Structures are given as C-alpha cells and as structure tokens.
Amino acid sequence: MKILGINALFHDPAAALLVDGHTAAAAAAAASAGPPAPASSRGRASHPARAPGTR
C-alpha cells in the first residue's frame, strides 16, 4: 500500500511517501527554501516560545 501525506496548512509545508509501512521519501520546505538568510537575521527564533500577547 502506498500513502502520500501532505501538510500544506501551516507555516512549515511537508510531504512524506510511505510504501508498505516504510518511509520511501520525505521532504520539507525548509530544506529547499532557497538561498540562506542574511547574517543580520540569523539566530532569531523562528518559533516564539509563547503566544503573542502573553507573558
């Protein structure tokens, strides 16, 4: 059995192909997002630790 799983609803799109219960292929957008970010933006958290507006 072949199963294709696609996550395109959130900020980190990804896809995986399972064949007979084993991972045949997997990909995430971050792996092929293009050129690296400028040095000035590196080191910033891309996922904040808490929701906006909370302390």
PDB file of N, CA and C in Angstrom:
ATOM      1  N   MET A   1       0.840  -1.168   0.000  1.00  0.00           N
ATOM      2  CA  MET A   1       0.000   0.000   0.000  1.00  0.00           C
ATOM      3  C   MET A   1       0.891   1.240   0.000  1.00  0.00           C
ATOM      4  N   LYS A   2       0.502   2.231  -0.767  1.00  0.00           N
ATOM      5  CA  LYS A   2       1.239   3.495  -0.831  1.00  0.00           C
ATOM      6  C   LYS A   2       0.380   4.596  -0.235  1.00  0.00           C
ATOM      7  N   ILE A   3       0.985   5.395   0.634  1.00  0.00           N
ATOM      8  CA  ILE A   3       0.277   6.509   1.287  1.00  0.00           C
ATOM      9  C   ILE A   3       1.119   7.764   1.109  1.00  0.00           C
ATOM     10  N   LEU A   4       0.488   8.818   0.595  1.00  0.00           N
ATOM     11  CA  LEU A   4       1.143  10.115   0.457  1.00  0.00           C
ATOM     12  C   LEU A   4       0.527  11.055   1.473  1.00  0.00           C
ATOM     13  N   GLY A   5       1.337  11.561   2.399  1.00  0.00           N
ATOM     14  CA  GLY A   5       0.871  12.518   3.404  1.00  0.00           C
ATOM     15  C   GLY A   5       1.393  13.902   3.057  1.00  0.00           C
ATOM     16  N   ILE A   6       0.495  14.875   3.060  1.00  0.00           N
ATOM     17  CA  ILE A   6       0.873  16.251   2.715  1.00  0.00           C
ATOM     18  C   ILE A   6       0.384  17.193   3.805  1.00  0.00           C
ATOM     19  N   ASN A   7       1.263  18.042   4.299  1.00  0.00           N
ATOM     20  CA  ASN A   7       0.913  19.083   5.261  1.00  0.00           C
ATOM     21  C   ASN A   7       1.170  20.417   4.566  1.00  0.00           C
ATOM     22  N   ALA A   8       0.107  21.094   4.173  1.00  0.00           N
ATOM     23  CA  ALA A   8       0.256  22.380   3.495  1.00  0.00           C
ATOM     24  C   ALA A   8      -0.565  23.470   4.164  1.00  0.00           C
ATOM     25  N   LEU A   9      -1.109  23.198   5.341  1.00  0.00           N
ATOM     26  CA  LEU A   9      -1.987  24.149   6.004  1.00  0.00           C
ATOM     27  C   LEU A   9      -1.263  25.062   6.979  1.00  0.00           C
ATOM     28  N   PHE A  10      -0.056  24.732   7.366  1.00  0.00           N
ATOM     29  CA  PHE A  10       0.674  25.504   8.368  1.00  0.00           C
ATOM     30  C   PHE A  10       1.904  26.137   7.741  1.00  0.00           C
ATOM     31  N   HIS A  11       2.723  26.799   8.527  1.00  0.00           N
ATOM     32  CA  HIS A  11       3.859  27.566   8.012  1.00  0.00           C
ATOM     33  C   HIS A  11       5.046  26.704   7.592  1.00  0.00           C
ATOM     34  N   ASP A  12       5.049  25.415   7.897  1.00  0.00           N
ATOM     35  CA  ASP A  12       6.140  24.521   7.509  1.00  0.00           C
ATOM     36  C   ASP A  12       5.598  23.388   6.637  1.00  0.00           C
ATOM     37  N   PRO A  13       5.340  23.620   5.345  1.00  0.00           N
ATOM     38  CA  PRO A  13       4.798  22.567   4.496  1.00  0.00           C
ATOM     39  C   PRO A  13       5.759  21.384   4.371  1.00  0.00           C
ATOM     40  N   ALA A  14       5.186  20.185   4.277  1.00  0.00           N
ATOM     41  CA  ALA A  14       5.993  18.975   4.167  1.00  0.00           C
ATOM     42  C   ALA A  14       5.176  17.885   3.493  1.00  0.00           C
ATOM     43  N   ALA A  15       5.879  16.843   3.027  1.00  0.00           N
ATOM     44  CA  ALA A  15       5.217  15.697   2.415  1.00  0.00           C
ATOM     45  C   ALA A  15       6.030  14.447   2.723  1.00  0.00           C
ATOM     46  N   ALA A  16       5.338  13.306   2.796  1.00  0.00           N
ATOM     47  CA  ALA A  16       6.009  12.028   3.031  1.00  0.00           C
ATOM     48  C   ALA A  16       5.302  10.947   2.225  1.00  0.00           C
ATOM     49  N   LEU A  17       6.076   9.992   1.717  1.00  0.00           N
ATOM     50  CA  LEU A  17       5.542   8.856   0.985  1.00  0.00           C
ATOM     51  C   LEU A  17       5.883   7.598   1.762  1.00  0.00           C
ATOM     52  N   LEU A  18       4.847   6.835   2.134  1.00  0.00           N
ATOM     53  CA  LEU A  18       5.025   5.555   2.810  1.00  0.00           C
ATOM     54  C   LEU A  18       4.682   4.443   1.843  1.00  0.00           C
ATOM     55  N   VAL A  19       5.532   3.430   1.777  1.00  0.00           N
ATOM     56  CA  VAL A  19       5.278   2.259   0.942  1.00  0.00           C
ATOM     57  C   VAL A  19       5.354   1.036   1.842  1.00  0.00           C
ATOM     58  N   ASP A  20       4.244   0.342   1.971  1.00  0.00           N
ATOM     59  CA  ASP A  20       4.147  -0.841   2.824  1.00  0.00           C
ATOM     60  C   ASP A  20       4.614  -0.551   4.245  1.00  0.00           C
ATOM     61  N   GLY A  21       4.261   0.616   4.773  1.00  0.00           N
ATOM     62  CA  GLY A  21       4.575   0.976   6.149  1.00  0.00           C
ATOM     63  C   GLY A  21       5.968   1.525   6.380  1.00  0.00           C
ATOM     64  N   HIS A  22       6.759   1.665   5.333  1.00  0.00           N
ATOM     65  CA  HIS A  22       8.125   2.189   5.468  1.00  0.00           C
ATOM     66  C   HIS A  22       8.235   3.509   4.722  1.00  0.00           C
ATOM     67  N   THR A  23       8.996   4.451   5.272  1.00  0.00           N
ATOM     68  CA  THR A  23       9.182   5.750   4.638  1.00  0.00           C
ATOM     69  C   THR A  23      10.009   5.590   3.364  1.00  0.00           C
ATOM     70  N   ALA A  24       9.428   5.956   2.239  1.00  0.00           N
ATOM     71  CA  ALA A  24      10.133   5.885   0.960  1.00  0.00           C
ATOM     72  C   ALA A  24      10.761   7.234   0.612  1.00  0.00           C
ATOM     73  N   ALA A  25      10.083   8.336   0.997  1.00  0.00           N
ATOM     74  CA  ALA A  25      10.598   9.672   0.714  1.00  0.00           C
ATOM     75  C   ALA A  25       9.938  10.662   1.658  1.00  0.00           C
ATOM     76  N   ALA A  26      10.653  11.726   1.959  1.00  0.00           N
ATOM     77  CA  ALA A  26      10.113  12.799   2.794  1.00  0.00           C
ATOM     78  C   ALA A  26      10.793  14.102   2.403  1.00  0.00           C
ATOM     79  N   ALA A  27      10.032  15.193   2.472  1.00  0.00           N
ATOM     80  CA  ALA A  27      10.589  16.499   2.125  1.00  0.00           C
ATOM     81  C   ALA A  27       9.879  17.580   2.923  1.00  0.00           C
ATOM     82  N   ALA A  28      10.626  18.612   3.263  1.00  0.00           N
ATOM     83  CA  ALA A  28      10.077  19.777   3.960  1.00  0.00           C
ATOM     84  C   ALA A  28      10.507  21.028   3.206  1.00  0.00           C
ATOM     85  N   ALA A  29       9.712  22.064   3.264  1.00  0.00           N
ATOM     86  CA  ALA A  29      10.004  23.289   2.529  1.00  0.00           C
ATOM     87  C   ALA A  29      11.301  23.937   2.993  1.00  0.00           C
ATOM     88  N   ALA A  30      11.635  23.834   4.244  1.00  0.00           N
ATOM     89  CA  ALA A  30      12.851  24.462   4.764  1.00  0.00           C
ATOM     90  C   ALA A  30      14.099  23.884   4.101  1.00  0.00           C
ATOM     91  N   ALA A  31      14.045  22.652   3.641  1.00  0.00           N
ATOM     92  CA  ALA A  31      15.199  22.025   3.015  1.00  0.00           C
ATOM     93  C   ALA A  31      15.493  22.618   1.641  1.00  0.00           C
ATOM     94  N   SER A  32      14.497  23.194   0.995  1.00  0.00           N
ATOM     95  CA  SER A  32      14.710  23.748  -0.339  1.00  0.00           C
ATOM     96  C   SER A  32      14.121  25.156  -0.442  1.00  0.00           C
ATOM     97  N   ALA A  33      14.298  25.936   0.599  1.00  0.00           N
ATOM     98  CA  ALA A  33      13.680  27.257   0.668  1.00  0.00           C
ATOM     99  C   ALA A  33      14.440  28.321  -0.119  1.00  0.00           C
ATOM    100  N   GLY A  34      15.566  27.983  -0.709  1.00  0.00           N
ATOM    101  CA  GLY A  34      16.320  28.963  -1.478  1.00  0.00           C
ATOM    102  C   GLY A  34      17.604  29.365  -0.778  1.00  0.00           C
ATOM    103  N   PRO A  35      18.122  30.539  -1.096  1.00  0.00           N
ATOM    104  CA  PRO A  35      19.401  30.965  -0.521  1.00  0.00           C
ATOM    105  C   PRO A  35      19.277  31.229   0.977  1.00  0.00           C
ATOM    106  N   PRO A  36      20.390  31.140   1.704  1.00  0.00           N
ATOM    107  CA  PRO A  36      20.340  31.381   3.147  1.00  0.00           C
ATOM    108  C   PRO A  36      19.944  32.817   3.484  1.00  0.00           C
ATOM    109  N   ALA A  37      19.422  32.993   4.672  1.00  0.00           N
ATOM    110  CA  ALA A  37      19.003  34.319   5.125  1.00  0.00           C
ATOM    111  C   ALA A  37      20.224  35.196   5.354  1.00  0.00           C
ATOM    112  N   PRO A  38      20.069  36.513   5.270  1.00  0.00           N
ATOM    113  CA  PRO A  38      21.188  37.415   5.547  1.00  0.00           C
ATOM    114  C   PRO A  38      21.686  37.223   6.983  1.00  0.00           C
ATOM    115  N   ALA A  39      22.965  37.496   7.205  1.00  0.00           N
ATOM    116  CA  ALA A  39      23.573  37.288   8.518  1.00  0.00           C
ATOM    117  C   ALA A  39      22.848  38.059   9.613  1.00  0.00           C
ATOM    118  N   SER A  40      22.243  39.199   9.292  1.00  0.00           N
ATOM    119  CA  SER A  40      21.578  40.013  10.304  1.00  0.00           C
ATOM    120  C   SER A  40      20.340  39.328  10.878  1.00  0.00           C
ATOM    121  N   SER A  41      19.738  38.377  10.149  1.00  0.00           N
ATOM    122  CA  SER A  41      18.524  37.732  10.644  1.00  0.00           C
ATOM    123  C   SER A  41      18.789  36.347  11.217  1.00  0.00           C
ATOM    124  N   ARG A  42      19.997  35.850  11.115  1.00  0.00           N
ATOM    125  CA  ARG A  42      20.320  34.538  11.688  1.00  0.00           C
ATOM    126  C   ARG A  42      20.331  34.622  13.201  1.00  0.00           C
ATOM    127  N   GLY A  43      19.961  33.540  13.825  1.00  0.00           N
ATOM    128  CA  GLY A  43      19.985  33.494  15.285  1.00  0.00           C
ATOM    129  C   GLY A  43      18.672  33.909  15.918  1.00  0.00           C
ATOM    130  N   ARG A  44      17.764  34.515  15.130  1.00  0.00           N
ATOM    131  CA  ARG A  44      16.450  34.846  15.676  1.00  0.00           C
ATOM    132  C   ARG A  44      15.616  33.591  15.752  1.00  0.00           C
ATOM    133  N   ALA A  45      14.776  33.501  16.770  1.00  0.00           N
ATOM    134  CA  ALA A  45      13.879  32.357  16.888  1.00  0.00           C
ATOM    135  C   ALA A  45      12.784  32.456  15.830  1.00  0.00           C
ATOM    136  N   SER A  46      12.615  31.398  15.040  1.00  0.00           N
ATOM    137  CA  SER A  46      11.561  31.416  14.037  1.00  0.00           C
ATOM    138  C   SER A  46      10.228  30.997  14.637  1.00  0.00           C
ATOM    139  N   HIS A  47      10.277  30.343  15.801  1.00  0.00           N
ATOM    140  CA  HIS A  47       9.069  29.925  16.501  1.00  0.00           C
ATOM    141  C   HIS A  47       9.130  30.497  17.915  1.00  0.00           C
ATOM    142  N   PRO A  48       8.318  31.498  18.221  1.00  0.00           N
ATOM    143  CA  PRO A  48       8.383  32.086  19.559  1.00  0.00           C
ATOM    144  C   PRO A  48       7.988  31.065  20.623  1.00  0.00           C
ATOM    145  N   ALA A  49       8.558  31.208  21.809  1.00  0.00           N
ATOM    146  CA  ALA A  49       8.315  30.272  22.899  1.00  0.00           C
ATOM    147  C   ALA A  49       6.895  30.373  23.434  1.00  0.00           C
ATOM    148  N   ARG A  50       6.261  31.525  23.288  1.00  0.00           N
ATOM    149  CA  ARG A  50       4.878  31.692  23.780  1.00  0.00           C
ATOM    150  C   ARG A  50       4.054  32.449  22.759  1.00  0.00           C
ATOM    151  N   ALA A  51       2.765  32.370  22.938  1.00  0.00           N
ATOM    152  CA  ALA A  51       1.850  33.027  22.007  1.00  0.00           C
ATOM    153  C   ALA A  51       1.972  34.536  22.094  1.00  0.00           C
ATOM    154  N   PRO A  52       1.759  35.251  21.009  1.00  0.00           N
ATOM    155  CA  PRO A  52       1.828  36.707  21.049  1.00  0.00           C
ATOM    156  C   PRO A  52       0.817  37.273  22.044  1.00  0.00           C
ATOM    157  N   GLY A  53       1.214  38.300  22.777  1.00  0.00           N
ATOM    158  CA  GLY A  53       0.337  38.955  23.727  1.00  0.00           C
ATOM    159  C   GLY A  53       0.303  38.316  25.097  1.00  0.00           C
ATOM    160  N   THR A  54       1.036  37.199  25.296  1.00  0.00           N
ATOM    161  CA  THR A  54       1.078  36.559  26.613  1.00  0.00           C
ATOM    162  C   THR A  54       2.408  36.853  27.282  1.00  0.00           C
ATOM    163  N   ARG A  55       2.437  36.737  28.557  1.00  0.00           N
ATOM    164  CA  ARG A  55       3.690  36.978  29.288  1.00  0.00           C
ATOM    165  C   ARG A  55       4.119  35.767  30.027  1.00  0.00           C
TER     166      ARG A  55
END
